[in-house]
């Protein structure tokens, strides 16, 4: 029997690889002739970099880059010399994880450091760059990133503006004469898991800026800046940002990736599946065993398990889901296409017990599942 193990992480409890190892150990203790293929996945959120490197087998590159408030820090990205592929997470240089909550201030934050990481990867010889844009501390519509790559944003007096969200409304022209020409030769794939427009009530500022430190008044100012800059984008690049799904992702990095990098916006899990050659490797598989920390209604909006279920459905492969907790009915699980499921919280004495001993509970669940397969 051929079985693929393809989980996401259990946040603050288990990595995807730990999940794979627990399930493999348990299944082989019952079905010792089973063929196990471990394909950990991720959706572009925290922990994606470890999963990417499982397939990329790249080297961690350290680079000096600017943090959201222009201070020099050490940031890292992955680079595979063999495939000329880089994986860059904007959160490494431009993320909230670099700041204390009391320091969040997206109107004055920049994506300059993300651009510096991209520039470094280009100089290393990258031909393909996978860019993860989750966890940003910014709302600058990517002008910081673009500045590091040679774009210049000018005010009415042709003076270059500081690339922060608070300055979007004063930009009158974009100077593209010094843009890094190597950008044209690079395939940019952007992990974008939201569909928000650039501005408006569902846009970057109104939906996300409050959690990045903006007040109600600042949100209105930032939204106006995005709307004003949208007109400059349309005038300069011939693209109406409001027509691009995901433009408002990461404070406008969605549209910035499209216009400044000529990038392709895709669901994070679909990018990782492609990197893993997932759809090829599941040919001839009888079961896919997957899992994530919490299985709920959000799972089908771009999460890892949704990506697995879509692939499994096209090849008529059964899916078993072992999760930390499940907040869906049996009918909802069946409708999703899950054939077998179990959760750690059902076995554990408490949430603390579940978090601390998830590995052992996963083994227990997988053993019970394997015994049922063995009886068929």
Protein backbone atom coordinates (compact mmCIF):
# COMPACT_ATOMS: atom_id res chain seq x y z
CA UNK A 1 0.00 0.00 0.00
CA UNK A 2 1.28 3.43 -0.98
CA UNK A 3 0.60 6.24 1.49
CA UNK A 4 1.55 9.93 1.27
CA UNK A 5 1.95 11.93 4.48
CA UNK A 6 1.35 15.61 3.72
CA UNK A 7 0.61 17.80 6.75
CA UNK A 8 0.89 21.43 7.69
CA UNK A 9 2.47 22.26 11.06
CA UNK A 10 0.61 22.26 14.37
CA UNK A 11 1.39 25.82 15.44
CA UNK A 12 3.47 25.99 18.66
CA UNK A 13 3.33 22.21 18.96
CA UNK A 14 4.64 20.16 16.01
CA UNK A 15 6.49 20.86 12.78
CA UNK A 16 5.31 19.27 9.55
CA UNK A 17 8.34 16.95 9.57
CA UNK A 18 7.64 15.84 13.15
CA UNK A 19 4.08 14.98 12.04
CA UNK A 20 5.46 12.97 9.11
CA UNK A 21 7.85 11.04 11.36
CA UNK A 22 5.17 10.23 13.95
CA UNK A 23 2.73 8.93 11.34
CA UNK A 24 5.38 6.97 9.45
CA UNK A 25 6.60 5.25 12.62
CA UNK A 26 3.07 4.28 13.67
CA UNK A 27 1.86 3.10 10.26
CA UNK A 28 4.96 0.96 9.61
CA UNK A 29 4.59 -0.69 13.02
CA UNK A 30 1.31 -2.15 11.72
CA UNK A 31 1.72 -2.18 7.93
CA UNK A 32 5.41 -2.99 7.61
CA UNK A 33 5.24 -3.38 3.83
CA UNK A 34 3.59 0.02 3.24
CA UNK A 35 5.38 2.48 0.98
CA UNK A 36 5.51 5.84 2.76
CA UNK A 37 6.19 9.14 0.97
CA UNK A 38 6.70 12.21 3.18
CA UNK A 39 5.61 15.48 1.57
CA UNK A 40 5.19 18.17 4.25
CA UNK A 41 3.39 21.25 2.97
CA UNK A 42 2.64 24.82 4.08
CA UNK A 43 0.42 27.68 2.99
CA UNK A 44 2.93 30.54 3.08
CA UNK A 45 2.54 31.36 6.78
CA UNK A 46 4.97 30.83 9.67
CA UNK A 47 7.24 27.83 9.21
CA UNK A 48 6.99 27.81 5.41
CA UNK A 49 10.72 28.38 5.06
CA UNK A 50 11.58 25.01 6.69
CA UNK A 51 9.14 23.19 4.42
CA UNK A 52 10.46 24.94 1.32
CA UNK A 53 14.03 23.94 2.17
CA UNK A 54 12.99 20.27 2.43
CA UNK A 55 12.49 20.45 -1.35
CA UNK A 56 14.78 23.30 -2.35
CA UNK A 57 17.78 21.97 -0.37
CA UNK A 58 19.17 25.46 -0.49
CA UNK A 59 21.66 27.41 1.54
CA UNK A 60 20.63 30.02 4.09
CA UNK A 61 21.94 33.39 2.94
CA UNK A 62 22.48 36.15 5.49
CA UNK A 63 22.15 39.71 4.27
CA UNK A 64 22.18 43.13 5.90
CA UNK A 65 18.82 44.76 5.25
CA UNK A 66 16.62 47.51 6.67
CA UNK A 67 13.91 46.64 9.15
CA UNK A 68 10.47 48.35 8.89
CA UNK A 69 11.92 51.53 10.43
CA UNK A 70 15.13 51.72 8.33
CA UNK A 71 17.46 50.18 10.93
CA UNK A 72 20.04 47.70 9.62
CA UNK A 73 19.45 44.09 10.70
CA UNK A 74 20.59 40.64 9.62
CA UNK A 75 17.91 38.92 7.54
CA UNK A 76 18.06 35.56 5.81
CA UNK A 77 16.59 33.81 2.79
CA UNK A 78 17.10 30.47 1.06
CA UNK A 79 19.01 30.05 -2.17
CA UNK A 80 19.60 26.95 -4.26
CA UNK A 81 22.61 27.34 -6.54
CA UNK A 82 21.61 24.18 -8.38
CA UNK A 83 18.16 25.40 -9.43
CA UNK A 84 18.93 29.16 -9.25
CA UNK A 85 15.87 29.53 -7.03
CA UNK A 86 15.49 31.80 -3.99
CA UNK A 87 12.78 31.73 -1.35
CA UNK A 88 12.29 35.06 0.40
CA UNK A 89 9.85 35.81 3.21
CA UNK A 90 9.13 39.54 3.45
CA UNK A 91 8.53 39.06 7.20
CA UNK A 92 12.28 38.48 7.59
CA UNK A 93 12.98 42.17 6.98
CA UNK A 94 9.56 43.84 6.91
CA UNK A 95 7.53 41.80 9.37
CA UNK A 96 5.68 42.38 12.62
CA UNK A 97 7.77 39.58 14.13
CA UNK A 98 10.70 42.03 14.27
CA UNK A 99 8.81 44.50 16.45
CA UNK A 100 7.20 44.68 19.85
CA UNK A 101 3.44 45.31 19.61
CA UNK A 102 3.82 48.74 21.22
CA UNK A 103 6.14 49.71 18.34
CA UNK A 104 3.75 48.79 15.51
CA UNK A 105 3.33 51.87 13.28
CA UNK A 106 2.55 50.88 9.71
CA UNK A 107 2.16 54.45 8.41
CA UNK A 108 5.91 54.97 8.99
CA UNK A 109 7.02 51.45 8.06
CA UNK A 110 8.81 50.44 4.85
CA UNK A 111 9.34 47.33 2.74
CA UNK A 112 12.83 48.54 1.75
CA UNK A 113 14.49 45.55 3.43
CA UNK A 114 12.45 43.09 1.40
CA UNK A 115 13.70 44.80 -1.75
CA UNK A 116 17.26 44.57 -0.48
CA UNK A 117 16.88 40.81 -0.01
CA UNK A 118 15.49 40.51 -3.54
CA UNK A 119 18.40 42.58 -4.90
CA UNK A 120 20.88 40.32 -3.12
CA UNK A 121 19.26 37.18 -4.57
CA UNK A 122 19.41 38.72 -8.04
CA UNK A 123 23.14 39.40 -7.60
CA UNK A 124 23.63 35.78 -6.48
CA UNK A 125 22.22 34.70 -9.86
CA UNK A 126 18.64 33.80 -8.99
CA UNK A 127 16.45 33.07 -12.00
CA UNK A 128 13.34 32.26 -9.98
CA UNK A 129 12.25 33.94 -6.75
CA UNK A 130 9.40 32.68 -4.60
CA UNK A 131 8.22 35.55 -2.41
CA UNK A 132 6.11 34.98 0.70
CA UNK A 133 4.24 38.14 1.67
CA UNK A 134 2.62 37.15 4.95
CA UNK A 135 3.21 38.78 8.35
CA UNK A 136 4.03 42.29 7.15
CA UNK A 137 4.31 45.33 9.41
CA UNK A 138 3.83 47.69 6.47
CA UNK A 139 1.26 49.60 4.42
CA UNK A 140 3.54 51.27 1.87
CA UNK A 141 2.15 49.56 -1.26
CA UNK A 142 5.61 48.06 -1.83
CA UNK A 143 7.32 51.35 -2.70
CA UNK A 144 10.10 50.54 -0.23
CA UNK A 145 10.79 47.24 -1.96
CA UNK A 146 10.68 48.95 -5.34
CA UNK A 147 13.08 51.69 -4.19
CA UNK A 148 15.72 49.06 -3.39
CA UNK A 149 15.37 47.80 -6.98
CA UNK A 150 15.90 51.18 -8.65
CA UNK A 151 12.42 52.69 -8.84
CA UNK A 152 12.14 56.31 -7.72
CA UNK A 153 8.98 57.90 -6.35
CA UNK A 154 8.86 61.65 -6.82
CA UNK A 155 6.72 64.46 -5.40
CA UNK A 156 5.42 67.52 -7.29
CA UNK A 157 8.90 69.12 -7.10
CA UNK A 158 10.59 65.94 -8.46
CA UNK A 159 12.12 65.22 -5.07
CA UNK A 160 12.36 61.57 -4.05
CA UNK A 161 9.97 60.70 -1.22
CA UNK A 162 10.76 58.50 1.74
CA UNK A 163 9.13 55.13 0.90
CA UNK A 164 6.55 54.80 3.70
CA UNK A 165 2.76 54.52 3.71
CA UNK A 166 2.26 58.04 5.05
CA UNK A 167 3.82 59.45 1.87
CA UNK A 168 1.74 57.65 -0.78
CA UNK A 169 -0.53 60.64 -1.42
CA UNK A 170 2.37 62.98 -2.23
CA UNK A 171 3.78 60.77 -5.00
CA UNK A 172 3.14 62.37 -8.38
CA UNK A 173 5.44 60.41 -10.71
CA UNK A 174 7.42 57.15 -10.82
CA UNK A 175 10.90 57.28 -12.37
CA UNK A 176 11.72 53.88 -13.90
CA UNK A 177 14.93 54.93 -15.70
CA UNK A 178 17.26 53.26 -13.18
CA UNK A 179 15.30 50.06 -12.49
CA UNK A 180 17.42 46.91 -12.18
CA UNK A 181 17.25 45.44 -15.69
CA UNK A 182 17.77 41.91 -14.39
CA UNK A 183 14.22 42.02 -13.00
CA UNK A 184 12.94 41.33 -16.51
CA UNK A 185 14.64 37.92 -16.61
CA UNK A 186 13.37 36.61 -13.27
CA UNK A 187 10.31 34.48 -12.67
CA UNK A 188 8.64 35.88 -9.55
CA UNK A 189 6.07 33.61 -7.88
CA UNK A 190 4.24 35.32 -5.01
CA UNK A 191 2.46 33.46 -2.21
CA UNK A 192 -0.71 35.48 -1.70
CA UNK A 193 -3.56 33.96 0.30
CA UNK A 194 -5.95 36.91 0.53
CA UNK A 195 -8.16 38.47 -2.14
CA UNK A 196 -8.56 41.99 -0.72
CA UNK A 197 -8.59 44.95 -3.12
CA UNK A 198 -5.98 47.66 -2.64
CA UNK A 199 -8.24 50.28 -1.05
CA UNK A 200 -11.80 50.77 0.19
CA UNK A 201 -13.66 49.15 3.09
CA UNK A 202 -12.24 45.71 2.21
CA UNK A 203 -8.82 47.07 1.29
CA UNK A 204 -5.38 46.84 2.87
CA UNK A 205 -5.76 49.73 5.31
CA UNK A 206 -9.30 49.18 6.58
CA UNK A 207 -8.90 45.42 7.04
CA UNK A 208 -5.30 45.06 8.26
CA UNK A 209 -3.78 48.39 9.35
CA UNK A 210 -5.34 48.41 12.84
CA UNK A 211 -3.48 45.23 13.76
CA UNK A 212 -0.29 46.90 12.54
CA UNK A 213 -0.68 49.86 14.91
CA UNK A 214 -2.83 52.34 12.96
CA UNK A 215 -5.50 54.49 14.60
CA UNK A 216 -8.89 55.13 12.95
CA UNK A 217 -7.65 58.48 11.65
CA UNK A 218 -4.45 56.90 10.31
CA UNK A 219 -6.44 54.15 8.60
CA UNK A 220 -8.43 56.77 6.69
CA UNK A 221 -5.19 58.56 5.73
CA UNK A 222 -3.56 55.31 4.60
CA UNK A 223 -6.60 54.27 2.58
CA UNK A 224 -6.59 57.67 0.83
CA UNK A 225 -2.88 57.20 0.12
CA UNK A 226 -3.52 53.81 -1.47
CA UNK A 227 -6.37 55.25 -3.55
CA UNK A 228 -4.26 58.23 -4.65
CA UNK A 229 -1.26 56.05 -5.50
CA UNK A 230 -3.55 53.68 -7.39
CA UNK A 231 -4.12 56.46 -9.92
CA UNK A 232 -0.35 56.89 -10.34
CA UNK A 233 0.00 53.14 -10.88
CA UNK A 234 -2.71 53.14 -13.55
CA UNK A 235 -1.19 56.15 -15.29
CA UNK A 236 2.36 54.73 -15.23
CA UNK A 237 1.80 51.00 -15.77
CA UNK A 238 -1.65 50.85 -17.38
CA UNK A 239 -3.03 48.60 -14.64
CA UNK A 240 -6.03 49.38 -12.43
CA UNK A 241 -5.05 47.85 -9.06
CA UNK A 242 -8.70 47.41 -8.03
CA UNK A 243 -9.16 44.84 -10.80
CA UNK A 244 -6.32 42.64 -9.48
CA UNK A 245 -7.41 40.06 -6.90
CA UNK A 246 -5.13 40.25 -3.86
CA UNK A 247 -3.81 43.76 -4.58
CA UNK A 248 -4.27 44.70 -0.92
CA UNK A 249 -2.28 41.77 0.47
CA UNK A 250 0.48 42.75 2.91
CA UNK A 251 -0.24 46.47 2.85
CA UNK A 252 -0.30 46.61 -0.94
CA UNK A 253 2.57 44.19 -1.63
CA UNK A 254 0.12 42.21 -3.72
CA UNK A 255 -0.14 44.87 -6.42
CA UNK A 256 3.50 45.89 -5.89
CA UNK A 257 4.63 42.34 -6.73
CA UNK A 258 2.55 42.46 -9.89
CA UNK A 259 3.63 45.86 -11.25
CA UNK A 260 7.19 46.27 -9.94
CA UNK A 261 8.29 42.63 -10.26
CA UNK A 262 5.90 41.34 -12.94
CA UNK A 263 5.12 38.61 -10.43
CA UNK A 264 2.38 35.99 -10.47
CA UNK A 265 0.12 35.88 -7.39
CA UNK A 266 -0.78 32.36 -6.30
CA UNK A 267 -2.10 30.58 -3.22
CA UNK A 268 0.84 29.69 -0.98
CA UNK A 269 -0.07 26.00 -0.78
CA UNK A 270 -0.22 25.78 -4.59
CA UNK A 271 3.32 27.20 -4.85
CA UNK A 272 4.64 24.72 -2.28
CA UNK A 273 2.81 21.83 -3.98
CA UNK A 274 4.49 22.77 -7.25
CA UNK A 275 7.89 22.94 -5.57
CA UNK A 276 7.25 19.50 -4.02
CA UNK A 277 6.00 18.07 -7.37
CA UNK A 278 3.07 16.97 -5.26
CA UNK A 279 0.62 16.10 -8.03
CA UNK A 280 3.23 13.85 -9.70
CA UNK A 281 4.23 12.09 -6.51
CA UNK A 282 0.70 11.15 -5.45
CA UNK A 283 0.08 9.05 -8.57
CA UNK A 284 -0.87 5.51 -7.55
CA UNK A 285 -1.39 6.48 -3.91
CA UNK A 286 -4.28 4.91 -1.97
CA UNK A 287 -4.34 7.30 1.01
CA UNK A 288 -3.06 10.79 1.78
CA UNK A 289 -2.70 11.46 5.50
CA UNK A 290 -2.80 15.16 6.29
CA UNK A 291 -3.36 17.41 9.28
CA UNK A 292 -3.13 20.85 10.80
CA UNK A 293 -3.53 22.40 14.21
CA UNK A 294 -7.18 23.33 13.80
CA UNK A 295 -9.58 22.15 11.14
CA UNK A 296 -12.49 24.60 10.77
CA UNK A 297 -14.44 26.64 8.22
CA UNK A 298 -11.29 28.64 7.35
CA UNK A 299 -9.57 25.50 6.08
CA UNK A 300 -11.24 25.80 2.68
CA UNK A 301 -10.05 29.38 2.11
CA UNK A 302 -6.54 28.68 0.89
CA UNK A 303 -5.17 26.58 3.74
CA UNK A 304 -2.91 23.57 3.23
CA UNK A 305 -5.62 20.93 3.58
CA UNK A 306 -7.71 22.61 0.88
CA UNK A 307 -4.80 22.25 -1.53
CA UNK A 308 -4.42 18.58 -0.65
CA UNK A 309 -8.13 17.85 -1.04
CA UNK A 310 -8.23 19.50 -4.47
CA UNK A 311 -5.37 17.28 -5.69
CA UNK A 312 -6.78 14.14 -4.06
CA UNK A 313 -10.19 14.69 -5.65
CA UNK A 314 -8.80 14.81 -9.19
CA UNK A 315 -7.08 11.43 -8.66
CA UNK A 316 -9.77 9.75 -6.51
CA UNK A 317 -7.41 9.34 -3.55
CA UNK A 318 -8.83 8.90 -0.05
CA UNK A 319 -7.84 11.44 2.60
CA UNK A 320 -7.35 10.96 6.34
CA UNK A 321 -7.03 14.07 8.52
CA UNK A 322 -5.34 13.99 11.94
CA UNK A 323 -5.63 17.42 13.55
CA UNK A 324 -5.04 19.13 16.85
CA UNK A 325 -8.75 19.88 17.03
CA UNK A 326 -11.69 19.67 14.63
CA UNK A 327 -14.44 22.25 14.68
CA UNK A 328 -16.61 20.79 11.91
CA UNK A 329 -19.48 18.30 11.83
CA UNK A 330 -19.23 14.82 10.33
CA UNK A 331 -21.42 16.00 7.45
CA UNK A 332 -19.12 18.97 6.78
CA UNK A 333 -16.04 16.72 6.84
CA UNK A 334 -17.59 14.33 4.34
CA UNK A 335 -18.62 17.22 2.10
CA UNK A 336 -15.02 18.46 2.11
CA UNK A 337 -13.84 15.06 0.91
CA UNK A 338 -12.28 13.72 4.11
CA UNK A 339 -12.76 9.96 4.47
CA UNK A 340 -11.30 9.46 7.95
CA UNK A 341 -10.46 11.85 10.75
CA UNK A 342 -9.35 12.07 14.36
CA UNK A 343 -8.08 14.79 16.69
CA UNK A 344 -5.48 15.09 19.42
CA UNK A 345 -7.84 16.98 21.72
CA UNK A 346 -10.16 13.95 21.80
CA UNK A 347 -7.33 11.85 23.25
CA UNK A 348 -5.66 14.43 25.50
CA UNK A 349 -6.57 15.32 29.07
CA UNK A 350 -6.24 19.07 28.46
CA UNK A 351 -5.07 21.62 25.89
CA UNK A 352 -1.69 21.77 27.62
CA UNK A 353 -1.40 17.98 27.42
CA UNK A 354 -2.37 18.10 23.73
CA UNK A 355 0.28 20.74 22.95
CA UNK A 356 3.04 19.00 24.88
CA UNK A 357 2.34 15.40 23.84
CA UNK A 358 0.96 15.82 20.34
CA UNK A 359 3.62 13.53 18.85
CA UNK A 360 2.58 10.57 20.99
CA UNK A 361 -1.13 11.17 20.40
CA UNK A 362 -0.55 11.34 16.65
CA UNK A 363 1.21 7.98 16.79
CA UNK A 364 -1.71 6.53 18.71
CA UNK A 365 -4.24 7.83 16.16
CA UNK A 366 -2.17 6.64 13.20
CA UNK A 367 -1.79 3.18 14.73
CA UNK A 368 -5.56 2.88 15.17
CA UNK A 369 -6.04 3.97 11.57
CA UNK A 370 -3.44 1.52 10.24
CA UNK A 371 -5.08 -1.37 12.13
CA UNK A 372 -8.38 -0.57 10.39
CA UNK A 373 -6.62 -0.60 7.03
CA UNK A 374 -4.95 -3.91 7.92
CA UNK A 375 -8.31 -5.58 8.56
CA UNK A 376 -9.66 -4.82 5.12
